[in-house]
PDB file of N, CA and C in Angstrom:
ATOM      1  N   MET A   1      -7.833 -43.083 -11.871  1.00  0.00           N
ATOM      2  CA  MET A   1      -8.296 -43.708 -10.648  1.00  0.00           C
ATOM      3  C   MET A   1      -9.587 -43.039 -10.191  1.00  0.00           C
ATOM      4  N   HIS A   2     -10.404 -43.797  -9.584  1.00  0.00           N
ATOM      5  CA  HIS A   2     -11.618 -43.258  -8.983  1.00  0.00           C
ATOM      6  C   HIS A   2     -11.219 -42.432  -7.759  1.00  0.00           C
ATOM      7  N   PRO A   3     -11.937 -41.329  -7.476  1.00  0.00           N
ATOM      8  CA  PRO A   3     -11.589 -40.503  -6.311  1.00  0.00           C
ATOM      9  C   PRO A   3     -11.485 -41.297  -5.002  1.00  0.00           C
ATOM     10  N   ALA A   4     -12.366 -42.272  -4.812  1.00  0.00           N
ATOM     11  CA  ALA A   4     -12.302 -43.078  -3.594  1.00  0.00           C
ATOM     12  C   ALA A   4     -11.023 -43.910  -3.548  1.00  0.00           C
ATOM     13  N   ASP A   5     -10.538 -44.346  -4.716  1.00  0.00           N
ATOM     14  CA  ASP A   5      -9.292 -45.103  -4.770  1.00  0.00           C
ATOM     15  C   ASP A   5      -8.094 -44.230  -4.412  1.00  0.00           C
ATOM     16  N   VAL A   6      -8.128 -42.974  -4.841  1.00  0.00           N
ATOM     17  CA  VAL A   6      -7.048 -42.044  -4.508  1.00  0.00           C
ATOM     18  C   VAL A   6      -7.017 -41.821  -2.998  1.00  0.00           C
ATOM     19  N   ILE A   7      -8.177 -41.573  -2.419  1.00  0.00           N
ATOM     20  CA  ILE A   7      -8.263 -41.352  -0.971  1.00  0.00           C
ATOM     21  C   ILE A   7      -7.786 -42.588  -0.210  1.00  0.00           C
ATOM     22  N   ALA A   8      -8.205 -43.765  -0.665  1.00  0.00           N
ATOM     23  CA  ALA A   8      -7.789 -45.006  -0.005  1.00  0.00           C
ATOM     24  C   ALA A   8      -6.286 -45.215  -0.122  1.00  0.00           C
ATOM     25  N   ALA A   9      -5.721 -44.936  -1.290  1.00  0.00           N
ATOM     26  CA  ALA A   9      -4.275 -45.095  -1.474  1.00  0.00           C
ATOM     27  C   ALA A   9      -3.504 -44.139  -0.569  1.00  0.00           C
ATOM     28  N   LEU A  10      -4.004 -42.927  -0.429  1.00  0.00           N
ATOM     29  CA  LEU A  10      -3.350 -41.974   0.480  1.00  0.00           C
ATOM     30  C   LEU A  10      -3.433 -42.462   1.923  1.00  0.00           C
ATOM     31  N   ARG A  11      -4.592 -42.966   2.323  1.00  0.00           N
ATOM     32  CA  ARG A  11      -4.754 -43.477   3.690  1.00  0.00           C
ATOM     33  C   ARG A  11      -3.813 -44.643   3.959  1.00  0.00           C
ATOM     34  N   LYS A  12      -3.643 -45.508   2.969  1.00  0.00           N
ATOM     35  CA  LYS A  12      -2.732 -46.643   3.130  1.00  0.00           C
ATOM     36  C   LYS A  12      -1.304 -46.178   3.362  1.00  0.00           C
ATOM     37  N   ARG A  13      -0.980 -45.011   2.834  1.00  0.00           N
ATOM     38  CA  ARG A  13       0.365 -44.447   3.016  1.00  0.00           C
ATOM     39  C   ARG A  13       0.457 -43.549   4.239  1.00  0.00           C
ATOM     40  N   GLY A  14      -0.640 -43.482   4.997  1.00  0.00           N
ATOM     41  CA  GLY A  14      -0.621 -42.724   6.237  1.00  0.00           C
ATOM     42  C   GLY A  14      -0.773 -41.230   6.086  1.00  0.00           C
ATOM     43  N   THR A  15      -1.392 -40.806   5.005  1.00  0.00           N
ATOM     44  CA  THR A  15      -1.593 -39.379   4.790  1.00  0.00           C
ATOM     45  C   THR A  15      -2.997 -39.137   4.251  1.00  0.00           C
ATOM     46  N   SER A  16      -3.303 -37.893   3.984  1.00  0.00           N
ATOM     47  CA  SER A  16      -4.619 -37.538   3.449  1.00  0.00           C
ATOM     48  C   SER A  16      -4.482 -36.275   2.614  1.00  0.00           C
ATOM     49  N   LEU A  17      -5.531 -35.948   1.888  1.00  0.00           N
ATOM     50  CA  LEU A  17      -5.527 -34.709   1.110  1.00  0.00           C
ATOM     51  C   LEU A  17      -5.344 -33.505   2.028  1.00  0.00           C
ATOM     52  N   ARG A  18      -5.974 -33.550   3.176  1.00  0.00           N
ATOM     53  CA  ARG A  18      -5.854 -32.437   4.119  1.00  0.00           C
ATOM     54  C   ARG A  18      -4.410 -32.253   4.598  1.00  0.00           C
ATOM     55  N   GLN A  19      -3.751 -33.353   4.925  1.00  0.00           N
ATOM     56  CA  GLN A  19      -2.359 -33.269   5.375  1.00  0.00           C
ATOM     57  C   GLN A  19      -1.444 -32.764   4.264  1.00  0.00           C
ATOM     58  N   ILE A  20      -1.676 -33.224   3.047  1.00  0.00           N
ATOM     59  CA  ILE A  20      -0.879 -32.762   1.909  1.00  0.00           C
ATOM     60  C   ILE A  20      -1.097 -31.265   1.709  1.00  0.00           C
ATOM     61  N   ALA A  21      -2.349 -30.835   1.780  1.00  0.00           N
ATOM     62  CA  ALA A  21      -2.668 -29.415   1.597  1.00  0.00           C
ATOM     63  C   ALA A  21      -1.980 -28.567   2.658  1.00  0.00           C
ATOM     64  N   LYS A  22      -2.110 -28.957   3.910  1.00  0.00           N
ATOM     65  CA  LYS A  22      -1.513 -28.178   4.999  1.00  0.00           C
ATOM     66  C   LYS A  22       0.005 -28.123   4.880  1.00  0.00           C
ATOM     67  N   ALA A  23       0.620 -29.230   4.506  1.00  0.00           N
ATOM     68  CA  ALA A  23       2.071 -29.278   4.377  1.00  0.00           C
ATOM     69  C   ALA A  23       2.577 -28.375   3.253  1.00  0.00           C
ATOM     70  N   ASN A  24       1.707 -28.071   2.302  1.00  0.00           N
ATOM     71  CA  ASN A  24       2.097 -27.252   1.155  1.00  0.00           C
ATOM     72  C   ASN A  24       1.398 -25.900   1.132  1.00  0.00           C
ATOM     73  N   GLN A  25       0.878 -25.503   2.276  1.00  0.00           N
ATOM     74  CA  GLN A  25       0.290 -24.188   2.495  1.00  0.00           C
ATOM     75  C   GLN A  25      -0.930 -23.902   1.622  1.00  0.00           C
ATOM     76  N   TYR A  26      -1.751 -24.913   1.429  1.00  0.00           N
ATOM     77  CA  TYR A  26      -3.057 -24.757   0.794  1.00  0.00           C
ATOM     78  C   TYR A  26      -4.109 -24.945   1.880  1.00  0.00           C
ATOM     79  N   SER A  27      -5.248 -24.313   1.718  1.00  0.00           N
ATOM     80  CA  SER A  27      -6.316 -24.536   2.691  1.00  0.00           C
ATOM     81  C   SER A  27      -6.983 -25.892   2.450  1.00  0.00           C
ATOM     82  N   HIS A  28      -7.076 -26.299   1.183  1.00  0.00           N
ATOM     83  CA  HIS A  28      -7.621 -27.609   0.835  1.00  0.00           C
ATOM     84  C   HIS A  28      -7.265 -27.906  -0.615  1.00  0.00           C
ATOM     85  N   ILE A  29      -7.243 -29.183  -0.959  1.00  0.00           N
ATOM     86  CA  ILE A  29      -6.980 -29.573  -2.352  1.00  0.00           C
ATOM     87  C   ILE A  29      -7.963 -30.636  -2.818  1.00  0.00           C
ATOM     88  N   ASN A  30      -9.105 -30.738  -2.158  1.00  0.00           N
ATOM     89  CA  ASN A  30     -10.087 -31.770  -2.498  1.00  0.00           C
ATOM     90  C   ASN A  30     -10.575 -31.671  -3.935  1.00  0.00           C
ATOM     91  N   ARG A  31     -10.558 -30.478  -4.486  1.00  0.00           N
ATOM     92  CA  ARG A  31     -11.030 -30.281  -5.858  1.00  0.00           C
ATOM     93  C   ARG A  31     -10.227 -31.094  -6.873  1.00  0.00           C
ATOM     94  N   VAL A  32      -8.996 -31.472  -6.517  1.00  0.00           N
ATOM     95  CA  VAL A  32      -8.162 -32.226  -7.441  1.00  0.00           C
ATOM     96  C   VAL A  32      -8.794 -33.570  -7.808  1.00  0.00           C
ATOM     97  N   LEU A  33      -9.658 -34.084  -6.952  1.00  0.00           N
ATOM     98  CA  LEU A  33     -10.298 -35.371  -7.229  1.00  0.00           C
ATOM     99  C   LEU A  33     -11.262 -35.302  -8.406  1.00  0.00           C
ATOM    100  N   THR A  34     -11.815 -34.123  -8.674  1.00  0.00           N
ATOM    101  CA  THR A  34     -12.825 -34.003  -9.729  1.00  0.00           C
ATOM    102  C   THR A  34     -12.471 -33.020 -10.834  1.00  0.00           C
ATOM    103  N   SER A  35     -11.457 -32.176 -10.616  1.00  0.00           N
ATOM    104  CA  SER A  35     -11.096 -31.154 -11.605  1.00  0.00           C
ATOM    105  C   SER A  35      -9.590 -31.109 -11.807  1.00  0.00           C
ATOM    106  N   PRO A  36      -9.154 -30.745 -13.012  1.00  0.00           N
ATOM    107  CA  PRO A  36      -7.716 -30.598 -13.239  1.00  0.00           C
ATOM    108  C   PRO A  36      -7.140 -29.477 -12.379  1.00  0.00           C
ATOM    109  N   TRP A  37      -6.035 -29.773 -11.714  1.00  0.00           N
ATOM    110  CA  TRP A  37      -5.327 -28.776 -10.898  1.00  0.00           C
ATOM    111  C   TRP A  37      -3.878 -29.230 -10.859  1.00  0.00           C
ATOM    112  N   LEU A  38      -3.075 -28.640 -11.697  1.00  0.00           N
ATOM    113  CA  LEU A  38      -1.707 -29.085 -11.935  1.00  0.00           C
ATOM    114  C   LEU A  38      -0.899 -29.259 -10.649  1.00  0.00           C
ATOM    115  N   ALA A  39      -0.854 -28.253  -9.817  1.00  0.00           N
ATOM    116  CA  ALA A  39      -0.031 -28.314  -8.605  1.00  0.00           C
ATOM    117  C   ALA A  39      -0.519 -29.405  -7.661  1.00  0.00           C
ATOM    118  N   ALA A  40      -1.805 -29.473  -7.442  1.00  0.00           N
ATOM    119  CA  ALA A  40      -2.354 -30.478  -6.526  1.00  0.00           C
ATOM    120  C   ALA A  40      -2.175 -31.885  -7.086  1.00  0.00           C
ATOM    121  N   GLU A  41      -2.303 -32.042  -8.383  1.00  0.00           N
ATOM    122  CA  GLU A  41      -2.077 -33.348  -9.003  1.00  0.00           C
ATOM    123  C   GLU A  41      -0.652 -33.817  -8.736  1.00  0.00           C
ATOM    124  N   GLN A  42       0.299 -32.906  -8.857  1.00  0.00           N
ATOM    125  CA  GLN A  42       1.696 -33.259  -8.626  1.00  0.00           C
ATOM    126  C   GLN A  42       1.938 -33.612  -7.165  1.00  0.00           C
ATOM    127  N   LEU A  43       1.297 -32.886  -6.255  1.00  0.00           N
ATOM    128  CA  LEU A  43       1.454 -33.172  -4.832  1.00  0.00           C
ATOM    129  C   LEU A  43       0.899 -34.548  -4.467  1.00  0.00           C
ATOM    130  N   VAL A  44      -0.270 -34.863  -4.978  1.00  0.00           N
ATOM    131  CA  VAL A  44      -0.889 -36.163  -4.693  1.00  0.00           C
ATOM    132  C   VAL A  44      -0.048 -37.281  -5.304  1.00  0.00           C
ATOM    133  N   ALA A  45       0.388 -37.088  -6.533  1.00  0.00           N
ATOM    134  CA  ALA A  45       1.209 -38.105  -7.189  1.00  0.00           C
ATOM    135  C   ALA A  45       2.510 -38.335  -6.422  1.00  0.00           C
ATOM    136  N   LYS A  46       3.113 -37.271  -5.946  1.00  0.00           N
ATOM    137  CA  LYS A  46       4.345 -37.398  -5.167  1.00  0.00           C
ATOM    138  C   LYS A  46       4.090 -38.191  -3.886  1.00  0.00           C
ATOM    139  N   ALA A  47       2.969 -37.934  -3.230  1.00  0.00           N
ATOM    140  CA  ALA A  47       2.624 -38.658  -2.006  1.00  0.00           C
ATOM    141  C   ALA A  47       2.406 -40.146  -2.282  1.00  0.00           C
ATOM    142  N   LEU A  48       1.970 -40.470  -3.500  1.00  0.00           N
ATOM    143  CA  LEU A  48       1.717 -41.869  -3.875  1.00  0.00           C
ATOM    144  C   LEU A  48       2.890 -42.492  -4.626  1.00  0.00           C
ATOM    145  N   ASP A  49       4.005 -41.762  -4.739  1.00  0.00           N
ATOM    146  CA  ASP A  49       5.190 -42.238  -5.462  1.00  0.00           C
ATOM    147  C   ASP A  49       4.858 -42.688  -6.879  1.00  0.00           C
ATOM    148  N   THR A  50       4.122 -41.852  -7.579  1.00  0.00           N
ATOM    149  CA  THR A  50       3.756 -42.154  -8.957  1.00  0.00           C
ATOM    150  C   THR A  50       3.700 -40.849  -9.733  1.00  0.00           C
ATOM    151  N   ARG A  51       3.216 -40.921 -10.954  1.00  0.00           N
ATOM    152  CA  ARG A  51       3.082 -39.730 -11.797  1.00  0.00           C
ATOM    153  C   ARG A  51       1.607 -39.368 -11.923  1.00  0.00           C
ATOM    154  N   PRO A  52       1.291 -38.088 -12.064  1.00  0.00           N
ATOM    155  CA  PRO A  52      -0.108 -37.686 -12.207  1.00  0.00           C
ATOM    156  C   PRO A  52      -0.808 -38.370 -13.383  1.00  0.00           C
ATOM    157  N   GLU A  53      -0.055 -38.641 -14.446  1.00  0.00           N
ATOM    158  CA  GLU A  53      -0.630 -39.283 -15.631  1.00  0.00           C
ATOM    159  C   GLU A  53      -1.160 -40.677 -15.321  1.00  0.00           C
ATOM    160  N   GLN A  54      -0.589 -41.328 -14.331  1.00  0.00           N
ATOM    161  CA  GLN A  54      -1.046 -42.667 -13.972  1.00  0.00           C
ATOM    162  C   GLN A  54      -2.293 -42.612 -13.098  1.00  0.00           C
ATOM    163  N   ILE A  55      -2.468 -41.539 -12.349  1.00  0.00           N
ATOM    164  CA  ILE A  55      -3.646 -41.404 -11.499  1.00  0.00           C
ATOM    165  C   ILE A  55      -4.836 -40.904 -12.306  1.00  0.00           C
ATOM    166  N   TRP A  56      -4.598 -39.887 -13.142  1.00  0.00           N
ATOM    167  CA  TRP A  56      -5.668 -39.264 -13.936  1.00  0.00           C
ATOM    168  C   TRP A  56      -5.294 -39.281 -15.419  1.00  0.00           C
ATOM    169  N   PRO A  57      -5.266 -40.447 -16.063  1.00  0.00           N
ATOM    170  CA  PRO A  57      -4.834 -40.506 -17.469  1.00  0.00           C
ATOM    171  C   PRO A  57      -5.709 -39.687 -18.407  1.00  0.00           C
ATOM    172  N   SER A  58      -7.003 -39.583 -18.136  1.00  0.00           N
ATOM    173  CA  SER A  58      -7.888 -38.840 -19.040  1.00  0.00           C
ATOM    174  C   SER A  58      -7.561 -37.346 -19.062  1.00  0.00           C
ATOM    175  N   ARG A  59      -6.959 -36.844 -18.013  1.00  0.00           N
ATOM    176  CA  ARG A  59      -6.606 -35.421 -17.958  1.00  0.00           C
ATOM    177  C   ARG A  59      -5.392 -35.100 -18.808  1.00  0.00           C
ATOM    178  N   TYR A  60      -4.654 -36.110 -19.194  1.00  0.00           N
ATOM    179  CA  TYR A  60      -3.416 -35.894 -19.925  1.00  0.00           C
ATOM    180  C   TYR A  60      -3.509 -36.274 -21.401  1.00  0.00           C
ATOM    181  N   VAL A  61      -4.694 -36.629 -21.865  1.00  0.00           N
ATOM    182  CA  VAL A  61      -4.877 -36.995 -23.266  1.00  0.00           C
ATOM    183  C   VAL A  61      -4.852 -35.758 -24.154  1.00  0.00           C
ATOM    184  N   ASN A  62      -5.532 -34.709 -23.738  1.00  0.00           N
ATOM    185  CA  ASN A  62      -5.679 -33.493 -24.531  1.00  0.00           C
ATOM    186  C   ASN A  62      -4.758 -32.396 -23.992  1.00  0.00           C
ATOM    187  N   PRO A  63      -3.779 -31.949 -24.794  1.00  0.00           N
ATOM    188  CA  PRO A  63      -2.879 -30.893 -24.327  1.00  0.00           C
ATOM    189  C   PRO A  63      -3.606 -29.595 -23.960  1.00  0.00           C
ATOM    190  N   ALA A  64      -4.736 -29.327 -24.577  1.00  0.00           N
ATOM    191  CA  ALA A  64      -5.488 -28.109 -24.259  1.00  0.00           C
ATOM    192  C   ALA A  64      -6.007 -28.149 -22.829  1.00  0.00           C
ATOM    193  N   SER A  65      -6.378 -29.332 -22.355  1.00  0.00           N
ATOM    194  CA  SER A  65      -6.862 -29.429 -20.985  1.00  0.00           C
ATOM    195  C   SER A  65      -5.719 -29.219 -19.997  1.00  0.00           C
ATOM    196  N   ARG A  66      -4.516 -29.609 -20.347  1.00  0.00           N
ATOM    197  CA  ARG A  66      -3.365 -29.370 -19.487  1.00  0.00           C
ATOM    198  C   ARG A  66      -3.066 -27.876 -19.413  1.00  0.00           C
ATOM    199  N   LYS A  67      -3.274 -27.167 -20.518  1.00  0.00           N
ATOM    200  CA  LYS A  67      -3.073 -25.716 -20.496  1.00  0.00           C
ATOM    201  C   LYS A  67      -4.080 -25.080 -19.554  1.00  0.00           C
ATOM    202  N   MET A  68      -5.312 -25.557 -19.580  1.00  0.00           N
ATOM    203  CA  MET A  68      -6.330 -25.018 -18.682  1.00  0.00           C
ATOM    204  C   MET A  68      -5.924 -25.278 -17.227  1.00  0.00           C
ATOM    205  N   ALA A  69      -5.438 -26.467 -16.928  1.00  0.00           N
ATOM    206  CA  ALA A  69      -5.012 -26.795 -15.569  1.00  0.00           C
ATOM    207  C   ALA A  69      -3.828 -25.922 -15.160  1.00  0.00           C
ATOM    208  N   PHE A  70      -2.916 -25.691 -16.089  1.00  0.00           N
ATOM    209  CA  PHE A  70      -1.769 -24.832 -15.808  1.00  0.00           C
ATOM    210  C   PHE A  70      -2.227 -23.403 -15.520  1.00  0.00           C
ATOM    211  N   ASP A  71      -3.180 -22.909 -16.300  1.00  0.00           N
ATOM    212  CA  ASP A  71      -3.690 -21.555 -16.103  1.00  0.00           C
ATOM    213  C   ASP A  71      -4.412 -21.398 -14.777  1.00  0.00           C
ATOM    214  N   LEU A  72      -5.056 -22.461 -14.295  1.00  0.00           N
ATOM    215  CA  LEU A  72      -5.793 -22.406 -13.042  1.00  0.00           C
ATOM    216  C   LEU A  72      -4.908 -22.567 -11.809  1.00  0.00           C
ATOM    217  N   THR A  73      -3.661 -22.913 -12.026  1.00  0.00           N
ATOM    218  CA  THR A  73      -2.764 -23.197 -10.919  1.00  0.00           C
ATOM    219  C   THR A  73      -2.128 -21.923 -10.386  1.00  0.00           C
ATOM    220  N   ARG A  74      -2.228 -21.744  -9.071  1.00  0.00           N
ATOM    221  CA  ARG A  74      -1.611 -20.581  -8.421  1.00  0.00           C
ATOM    222  C   ARG A  74      -0.139 -20.806  -8.171  1.00  0.00           C
ATOM    223  N   LYS A  75       0.208 -21.978  -7.676  1.00  0.00           N
ATOM    224  CA  LYS A  75       1.588 -22.272  -7.297  1.00  0.00           C
ATOM    225  C   LYS A  75       2.167 -23.280  -8.270  1.00  0.00           C
ATOM    226  N   ILE A  76       3.077 -22.839  -9.099  1.00  0.00           N
ATOM    227  CA  ILE A  76       3.673 -23.730 -10.084  1.00  0.00           C
ATOM    228  C   ILE A  76       4.801 -24.550  -9.464  1.00  0.00           C
ATOM    229  N   ALA A  77       5.642 -23.940  -8.649  1.00  0.00           N
ATOM    230  CA  ALA A  77       6.810 -24.624  -8.089  1.00  0.00           C
ATOM    231  C   ALA A  77       6.413 -25.389  -6.836  1.00  0.00           C
ATOM    232  N   VAL A  78       5.675 -26.476  -7.012  1.00  0.00           N
ATOM    233  CA  VAL A  78       5.183 -27.227  -5.858  1.00  0.00           C
ATOM    234  C   VAL A  78       6.266 -28.101  -5.235  1.00  0.00           C
ATOM    235  N   THR A  79       7.300 -28.403  -5.992  1.00  0.00           N
ATOM    236  CA  THR A  79       8.323 -29.282  -5.455  1.00  0.00           C
ATOM    237  C   THR A  79       9.412 -28.515  -4.727  1.00  0.00           C
ATOM    238  N   MET A  80       9.415 -27.205  -4.837  1.00  0.00           N
ATOM    239  CA  MET A  80      10.424 -26.401  -4.161  1.00  0.00           C
ATOM    240  C   MET A  80       9.841 -25.842  -2.864  1.00  0.00           C
ATOM    241  N   PRO A  81      10.522 -26.055  -1.754  1.00  0.00           N
ATOM    242  CA  PRO A  81      10.004 -25.515  -0.499  1.00  0.00           C
ATOM    243  C   PRO A  81      10.074 -23.996  -0.493  1.00  0.00           C
ATOM    244  N   ARG A  82       9.106 -23.395   0.166  1.00  0.00           N
ATOM    245  CA  ARG A  82       9.090 -21.945   0.269  1.00  0.00           C
ATOM    246  C   ARG A  82      10.145 -21.498   1.264  1.00  0.00           C
ATOM    247  N   LYS A  83      10.780 -20.386   0.941  1.00  0.00           N
ATOM    248  CA  LYS A  83      11.733 -19.805   1.868  1.00  0.00           C
ATOM    249  C   LYS A  83      10.961 -19.020   2.910  1.00  0.00           C
ATOM    250  N   ARG A  84      11.260 -19.290   4.141  1.00  0.00           N
ATOM    251  CA  ARG A  84      10.593 -18.569   5.221  1.00  0.00           C
ATOM    252  C   ARG A  84      11.389 -17.319   5.541  1.00  0.00           C
ATOM    253  N   ARG A  85      10.659 -16.261   5.787  1.00  0.00           N
ATOM    254  CA  ARG A  85      11.303 -15.007   6.142  1.00  0.00           C
ATOM    255  C   ARG A  85      11.858 -15.109   7.558  1.00  0.00           C
ATOM    256  N   GLN A  86      13.072 -14.659   7.711  1.00  0.00           N
ATOM    257  CA  GLN A  86      13.661 -14.608   9.031  1.00  0.00           C
ATOM    258  C   GLN A  86      13.172 -13.357   9.729  1.00  0.00           C
ATOM    259  N   PRO A  87      12.774 -13.474  10.978  1.00  0.00           N
ATOM    260  CA  PRO A  87      12.314 -12.277  11.679  1.00  0.00           C
ATOM    261  C   PRO A  87      13.455 -11.285  11.827  1.00  0.00           C
ATOM    262  N   ALA A  88      13.106 -10.030  11.629  1.00  0.00           N
ATOM    263  CA  ALA A  88      14.105  -8.966  11.770  1.00  0.00           C
ATOM    264  C   ALA A  88      14.523  -8.860  13.227  1.00  0.00           C
ATOM    265  N   GLU A  89      15.800  -8.758  13.437  1.00  0.00           N
ATOM    266  CA  GLU A  89      16.292  -8.628  14.812  1.00  0.00           C
ATOM    267  C   GLU A  89      16.007  -7.230  15.318  1.00  0.00           C
ATOM    268  N   ALA A  90      15.516  -7.175  16.505  1.00  0.00           N
ATOM    269  CA  ALA A  90      15.194  -5.874  17.108  1.00  0.00           C
ATOM    270  C   ALA A  90      16.472  -5.191  17.557  1.00  0.00           C
ATOM    271  N   THR A  91      16.590  -3.959  17.208  1.00  0.00           N
ATOM    272  CA  THR A  91      17.735  -3.178  17.648  1.00  0.00           C
ATOM    273  C   THR A  91      17.303  -2.250  18.756  1.00  0.00           C
ATOM    274  N   ALA A  92      18.015  -2.282  19.832  1.00  0.00           N
ATOM    275  CA  ALA A  92      17.623  -1.454  20.982  1.00  0.00           C
ATOM    276  C   ALA A  92      18.551  -0.299  21.174  1.00  0.00           C
TER     277      ALA A  92
END
């Protein structure tokens, strides 16, 4: 898909790259529109109820490029919510 088509599809669903990034504790994920980024690709695909391969088919043709995207990814477990630390109870 063209980057503008991805943005338009997200808007039609009432979300944006910024909202997806914030919800998943990223500062931004705009780079996913032009560069392979495994975690962000999965997040965008999930928001569009599709698979990353359908949005960016050219990124999935060469397995070596997927390895590069995997290596560049900081957060692999994008579908698992982060556990929040419970504040320690103060003892008086």
